[in-house]
C-alpha atoms as a PDB file:
ATOM      1  CA  MET A   1      92.044  59.083  82.091  1.00  0.00           C
ATOM      2  CA  SER A   2      91.697  57.358  85.443  1.00  0.00           C
ATOM      3  CA  LYS A   3      89.114  57.037  88.167  1.00  0.00           C
ATOM      4  CA  SER A   4      89.765  59.453  91.010  1.00  0.00           C
ATOM      5  CA  LYS A   5      88.743  60.051  94.607  1.00  0.00           C
ATOM      6  CA  TRP A   6      86.902  63.213  95.654  1.00  0.00           C
ATOM      7  CA  ASP A   7      89.835  64.618  97.670  1.00  0.00           C
ATOM      8  CA  GLU A   8      92.329  64.071  94.846  1.00  0.00           C
ATOM      9  CA  ALA A   9      90.030  65.721  92.297  1.00  0.00           C
ATOM     10  CA  LEU A  10      89.462  68.790  94.486  1.00  0.00           C
ATOM     11  CA  THR A  11      93.193  69.134  95.075  1.00  0.00           C
ATOM     12  CA  LEU A  12      93.779  69.133  91.308  1.00  0.00           C
ATOM     13  CA  LEU A  13      91.144  71.863  90.921  1.00  0.00           C
ATOM     14  CA  SER A  14      93.062  74.157  93.296  1.00  0.00           C
ATOM     15  CA  PRO A  15      93.647  76.970  93.926  1.00  0.00           C
ATOM     16  CA  HIS A  16      90.228  78.313  94.912  1.00  0.00           C
ATOM     17  CA  PRO A  17      89.630  81.947  95.905  1.00  0.00           C
ATOM     18  CA  TYR A  18      89.521  82.043  99.703  1.00  0.00           C
ATOM     19  CA  ALA A  19      86.836  84.204 101.247  1.00  0.00           C
ATOM     20  CA  LEU A  20      85.524  85.089 104.666  1.00  0.00           C
ATOM     21  CA  VAL A  21      81.866  85.445 105.477  1.00  0.00           C
ATOM     22  CA  SER A  22      80.918  87.956 108.141  1.00  0.00           C
ATOM     23  CA  THR A  23      77.740  87.272 110.137  1.00  0.00           C
ATOM     24  CA  ILE A  24      76.237  88.142 113.502  1.00  0.00           C
ATOM     25  CA  ASP A  25      74.515  85.873 115.987  1.00  0.00           C
ATOM     26  CA  HIS A  26      71.204  86.326 117.836  1.00  0.00           C
ATOM     27  CA  ARG A  27      72.950  88.483 120.502  1.00  0.00           C
ATOM     28  CA  GLY A  28      74.572  90.740 117.890  1.00  0.00           C
ATOM     29  CA  LYS A  29      78.029  89.128 118.350  1.00  0.00           C
ATOM     30  CA  PRO A  30      80.040  89.297 115.103  1.00  0.00           C
ATOM     31  CA  ASN A  31      81.568  86.184 113.547  1.00  0.00           C
ATOM     32  CA  LEU A  32      83.905  85.410 110.656  1.00  0.00           C
ATOM     33  CA  MET A  33      84.185  82.075 108.855  1.00  0.00           C
ATOM     34  CA  GLY A  34      86.655  81.035 106.161  1.00  0.00           C
ATOM     35  CA  LEU A  35      85.168  79.439 103.059  1.00  0.00           C
ATOM     36  CA  ALA A  36      85.881  78.656  99.425  1.00  0.00           C
ATOM     37  CA  TRP A  37      82.393  77.387  98.547  1.00  0.00           C
ATOM     38  CA  TRP A  38      80.795  80.525  97.157  1.00  0.00           C
ATOM     39  CA  SER A  39      79.427  81.372  93.747  1.00  0.00           C
ATOM     40  CA  ILE A  40      77.933  84.138  91.683  1.00  0.00           C
ATOM     41  CA  VAL A  41      74.458  82.771  90.957  1.00  0.00           C
ATOM     42  CA  SER A  42      72.867  85.656  89.021  1.00  0.00           C
ATOM     43  CA  TRP A  43      74.177  88.607  87.077  1.00  0.00           C
ATOM     44  CA  ASP A  44      70.869  90.502  86.960  1.00  0.00           C
ATOM     45  CA  PRO A  45      69.791  90.811  89.689  1.00  0.00           C
ATOM     46  CA  GLN A  46      73.216  90.465  91.292  1.00  0.00           C
ATOM     47  CA  MET A  47      73.167  87.439  93.611  1.00  0.00           C
ATOM     48  CA  ILE A  48      75.829  85.412  95.418  1.00  0.00           C
ATOM     49  CA  GLY A  49      75.524  82.038  97.138  1.00  0.00           C
ATOM     50  CA  ILE A  50      77.561  80.569  99.982  1.00  0.00           C
ATOM     51  CA  ALA A  51      77.613  77.002 101.314  1.00  0.00           C
ATOM     52  CA  VAL A  52      77.666  76.620 105.108  1.00  0.00           C
ATOM     53  CA  GLY A  53      77.806  73.335 107.008  1.00  0.00           C
ATOM     54  CA  LYS A  54      74.651  72.472 108.959  1.00  0.00           C
ATOM     55  CA  ARG A  55      76.584  72.131 112.230  1.00  0.00           C
ATOM     56  CA  ARG A  56      78.537  75.356 111.894  1.00  0.00           C
ATOM     57  CA  TYR A  57      78.158  78.341 114.178  1.00  0.00           C
ATOM     58  CA  THR A  58      77.844  80.479 111.038  1.00  0.00           C
ATOM     59  CA  LYS A  59      74.613  78.644 110.189  1.00  0.00           C
ATOM     60  CA  GLU A  60      73.252  79.624 113.619  1.00  0.00           C
ATOM     61  CA  CYS A  61      74.255  83.215 112.868  1.00  0.00           C
ATOM     62  CA  LEU A  62      72.528  83.164 109.473  1.00  0.00           C
ATOM     63  CA  ASP A  63      69.428  81.656 111.067  1.00  0.00           C
ATOM     64  CA  ALA A  64      69.368  84.628 113.485  1.00  0.00           C
ATOM     65  CA  CYS A  65      70.205  87.378 110.974  1.00  0.00           C
ATOM     66  CA  LYS A  66      69.536  86.764 107.273  1.00  0.00           C
ATOM     67  CA  GLU A  67      72.410  88.990 106.167  1.00  0.00           C
ATOM     68  CA  PHE A  68      76.091  88.393 105.427  1.00  0.00           C
ATOM     69  CA  VAL A  69      79.131  90.070 103.955  1.00  0.00           C
ATOM     70  CA  LEU A  70      81.309  87.990 101.645  1.00  0.00           C
ATOM     71  CA  LEU A  71      84.836  89.397 101.890  1.00  0.00           C
ATOM     72  CA  PHE A  72      87.928  88.474  99.922  1.00  0.00           C
ATOM     73  CA  PRO A  73      90.886  88.988 102.243  1.00  0.00           C
ATOM     74  CA  SER A  74      94.234  90.291 101.016  1.00  0.00           C
ATOM     75  CA  GLU A  75      97.656  89.018 101.970  1.00  0.00           C
ATOM     76  CA  LYS A  76      97.755  91.749 104.642  1.00  0.00           C
ATOM     77  CA  VAL A  77      95.373  89.686 106.806  1.00  0.00           C
ATOM     78  CA  ALA A  78      96.469  86.183 105.730  1.00  0.00           C
ATOM     79  CA  LYS A  79      97.179  84.785 109.207  1.00  0.00           C
ATOM     80  CA  GLY A  80      93.890  86.035 110.623  1.00  0.00           C
ATOM     81  CA  ALA A  81      92.004  84.806 107.553  1.00  0.00           C
ATOM     82  CA  TRP A  82      93.496  81.315 107.930  1.00  0.00           C
ATOM     83  CA  LEU A  83      92.528  81.290 111.619  1.00  0.00           C
ATOM     84  CA  CYS A  84      88.912  81.905 110.547  1.00  0.00           C
ATOM     85  CA  GLY A  85      88.900  78.566 108.751  1.00  0.00           C
ATOM     86  CA  MET A  86      90.527  76.695 111.637  1.00  0.00           C
ATOM     87  CA  GLU A  87      88.585  77.791 114.738  1.00  0.00           C
ATOM     88  CA  SER A  88      84.900  78.061 115.633  1.00  0.00           C
ATOM     89  CA  GLY A  89      83.276  81.356 116.507  1.00  0.00           C
ATOM     90  CA  ARG A  90      81.400  79.512 119.251  1.00  0.00           C
ATOM     91  CA  ASP A  91      84.687  79.164 121.124  1.00  0.00           C
ATOM     92  CA  VAL A  92      86.898  82.002 119.881  1.00  0.00           C
ATOM     93  CA  ASP A  93      86.457  85.679 119.089  1.00  0.00           C
ATOM     94  CA  LYS A  94      88.061  85.486 115.643  1.00  0.00           C
ATOM     95  CA  TRP A  95      87.833  89.250 115.184  1.00  0.00           C
ATOM     96  CA  GLU A  96      90.088  89.797 118.183  1.00  0.00           C
ATOM     97  CA  LYS A  97      92.354  86.761 117.833  1.00  0.00           C
ATOM     98  CA  GLY A  98      92.784  87.356 114.081  1.00  0.00           C
ATOM     99  CA  GLY A  99      93.577  91.053 114.549  1.00  0.00           C
ATOM    100  CA  PHE A 100      90.718  92.286 112.366  1.00  0.00           C
ATOM    101  CA  ARG A 101      89.593  95.918 112.530  1.00  0.00           C
ATOM    102  CA  LYS A 102      85.848  96.313 111.988  1.00  0.00           C
ATOM    103  CA  ILE A 103      84.296  98.600 109.411  1.00  0.00           C
ATOM    104  CA  ASP A 104      80.552  99.266 109.506  1.00  0.00           C
ATOM    105  CA  ALA A 105      78.674  97.941 106.492  1.00  0.00           C
ATOM    106  CA  LYS A 106      76.419 100.364 104.621  1.00  0.00           C
ATOM    107  CA  LYS A 107      73.253  98.247 104.220  1.00  0.00           C
ATOM    108  CA  VAL A 108      73.577  95.135 106.417  1.00  0.00           C
ATOM    109  CA  LYS A 109      74.386  94.474 110.082  1.00  0.00           C
ATOM    110  CA  PRO A 110      77.500  92.235 109.741  1.00  0.00           C
ATOM    111  CA  TYR A 111      80.825  94.085 109.527  1.00  0.00           C
ATOM    112  CA  LEU A 112      83.518  94.466 106.906  1.00  0.00           C
ATOM    113  CA  PHE A 113      87.184  94.552 107.983  1.00  0.00           C
ATOM    114  CA  GLU A 114      90.321  96.419 106.974  1.00  0.00           C
ATOM    115  CA  GLY A 115      92.428  94.414 104.540  1.00  0.00           C
ATOM    116  CA  PHE A 116      89.834  93.095 102.077  1.00  0.00           C
ATOM    117  CA  THR A 117      90.136  93.355  98.301  1.00  0.00           C
ATOM    118  CA  VAL A 118      86.420  93.010  97.470  1.00  0.00           C
ATOM    119  CA  ALA A 119      83.371  92.814  99.742  1.00  0.00           C
ATOM    120  CA  PHE A 120      79.737  92.055  98.904  1.00  0.00           C
ATOM    121  CA  GLU A 121      76.990  93.004 101.352  1.00  0.00           C
ATOM    122  CA  CYS A 122      74.140  90.513 100.925  1.00  0.00           C
ATOM    123  CA  LYS A 123      70.619  89.848 102.193  1.00  0.00           C
ATOM    124  CA  VAL A 124      69.556  86.202 102.182  1.00  0.00           C
ATOM    125  CA  THR A 125      66.614  85.513  99.870  1.00  0.00           C
ATOM    126  CA  LYS A 126      66.747  81.721  99.597  1.00  0.00           C
ATOM    127  CA  GLU A 127      68.133  78.694 101.424  1.00  0.00           C
ATOM    128  CA  VAL A 128      68.684  75.370  99.683  1.00  0.00           C
ATOM    129  CA  GLU A 129      69.502  72.189 101.581  1.00  0.00           C
ATOM    130  CA  CYS A 130      72.416  70.413  99.897  1.00  0.00           C
ATOM    131  CA  GLY A 131      73.411  67.267 101.806  1.00  0.00           C
ATOM    132  CA  ASP A 132      75.458  68.327 104.823  1.00  0.00           C
ATOM    133  CA  HIS A 133      75.399  72.037 103.838  1.00  0.00           C
ATOM    134  CA  ILE A 134      72.874  74.834 103.414  1.00  0.00           C
ATOM    135  CA  PHE A 135      73.371  76.996 100.328  1.00  0.00           C
ATOM    136  CA  TYR A 136      72.390  80.575 101.187  1.00  0.00           C
ATOM    137  CA  VAL A 137      71.538  82.790  98.224  1.00  0.00           C
ATOM    138  CA  GLY A 138      71.826  86.496  98.875  1.00  0.00           C
ATOM    139  CA  ASP A 139      70.896  89.601  96.931  1.00  0.00           C
ATOM    140  CA  VAL A 140      73.954  91.831  96.627  1.00  0.00           C
ATOM    141  CA  VAL A 141      72.912  95.186  98.108  1.00  0.00           C
ATOM    142  CA  GLU A 142      76.313  96.932  98.218  1.00  0.00           C
ATOM    143  CA  ILE A 143      79.790  96.281  96.763  1.00  0.00           C
ATOM    144  CA  HIS A 144      83.120  97.600  98.074  1.00  0.00           C
ATOM    145  CA  THR A 145      86.656  97.353  96.682  1.00  0.00           C
ATOM    146  CA  ASP A 146      90.062  98.345  98.022  1.00  0.00           C
ATOM    147  CA  LYS A 147      92.531  98.551  95.166  1.00  0.00           C
ATOM    148  CA  THR A 148      95.442  99.074  97.584  1.00  0.00           C
ATOM    149  CA  ASN A 149      95.127  95.377  98.498  1.00  0.00           C
ATOM    150  CA  ALA A 150      96.332  93.760  95.281  1.00  0.00           C
ATOM    151  CA  LEU A 151      97.136  90.227  96.438  1.00  0.00           C
ATOM    152  CA  HIS A 152      94.103  87.958  96.817  1.00  0.00           C
ATOM    153  CA  LEU A 153      94.213  84.814  98.941  1.00  0.00           C
ATOM    154  CA  TYR A 154      93.674  81.361  97.482  1.00  0.00           C
ATOM    155  CA  THR A 155      93.459  77.992  99.153  1.00  0.00           C
ATOM    156  CA  ILE A 156      95.092  74.835  97.909  1.00  0.00           C
ATOM    157  CA  HIS A 157      92.257  72.455  98.827  1.00  0.00           C
ATOM    158  CA  TYR A 158      91.946  73.886 102.363  1.00  0.00           C
ATOM    159  CA  ARG A 159      95.468  72.722 103.217  1.00  0.00           C
ATOM    160  CA  ARG A 160      97.556  75.747 102.281  1.00  0.00           C
ATOM    161  CA  LEU A 161      97.043  79.475 101.743  1.00  0.00           C
ATOM    162  CA  VAL A 162      98.746  81.478  98.970  1.00  0.00           C
ATOM    163  CA  ALA A 163      98.356  84.984  97.505  1.00  0.00           C
ATOM    164  CA  ILE A 164      98.287  85.773  93.799  1.00  0.00           C
ATOM    165  CA  ASP A 165      97.767  89.159  92.146  1.00  0.00           C
ATOM    166  CA  LYS A 166      95.162  89.723  89.435  1.00  0.00           C
ATOM    167  CA  ASP A 167      97.803  89.367  86.701  1.00  0.00           C
ATOM    168  CA  LEU A 168      99.242  86.157  88.235  1.00  0.00           C
ATOM    169  CA  ASN A 169     102.655  87.846  88.457  1.00  0.00           C
ATOM    170  CA  THR A 170     103.168  87.612  92.198  1.00  0.00           C
ATOM    171  CA  MET A 171     102.699  84.675  94.494  1.00  0.00           C
ATOM    172  CA  SER A 172     103.288  84.462  98.217  1.00  0.00           C
ATOM    173  CA  ASP A 173     103.114  81.243 100.183  1.00  0.00           C
ATOM    174  CA  PHE A 174     102.427  81.911 103.832  1.00  0.00           C
ATOM    175  CA  GLY A 175     103.400  78.469 105.063  1.00  0.00           C
ATOM    176  CA  LEU A 176      99.965  78.212 106.674  1.00  0.00           C
ATOM    177  CA  GLU A 177      98.978  74.597 106.460  1.00  0.00           C
ATOM    178  CA  ARG A 178      96.526  72.251 108.113  1.00  0.00           C
END
């Protein structure tokens, strides 16, 4: 056993499931943000939490509309998904630049996109300040799956993106690195 630094420890914990959060701003403009800091926080009722940096455009969107969709992108949209973690929605239309095709959600305003494996529509019920992030807890109001998208994306400590199937039999490395 040895003492470790934060960055080294998080790298050893990799891979983490990579997700995108879909939000809309006060003008109704859609936004996507890449994140790995999400968690199931309750089984009954079904609730999911996401951590968003206080200075992020996504926080502004969540302040304007207390709804989000947590989407798990498949390998089909890997390049666009990686872009969503590299650029700010303040400056770039990530939907257009990433090549995402919008799908209307059933119970919330933010969109889903073609190429997800699982998507959770959520309504924010609680916000918890956690240092430099806000942890948004949302009630899951609708769940979608697309079983034709078998390969889920994972991040190797936000430096690399890979895809692994549910049985861990297939792995793709997209060469997308920071």
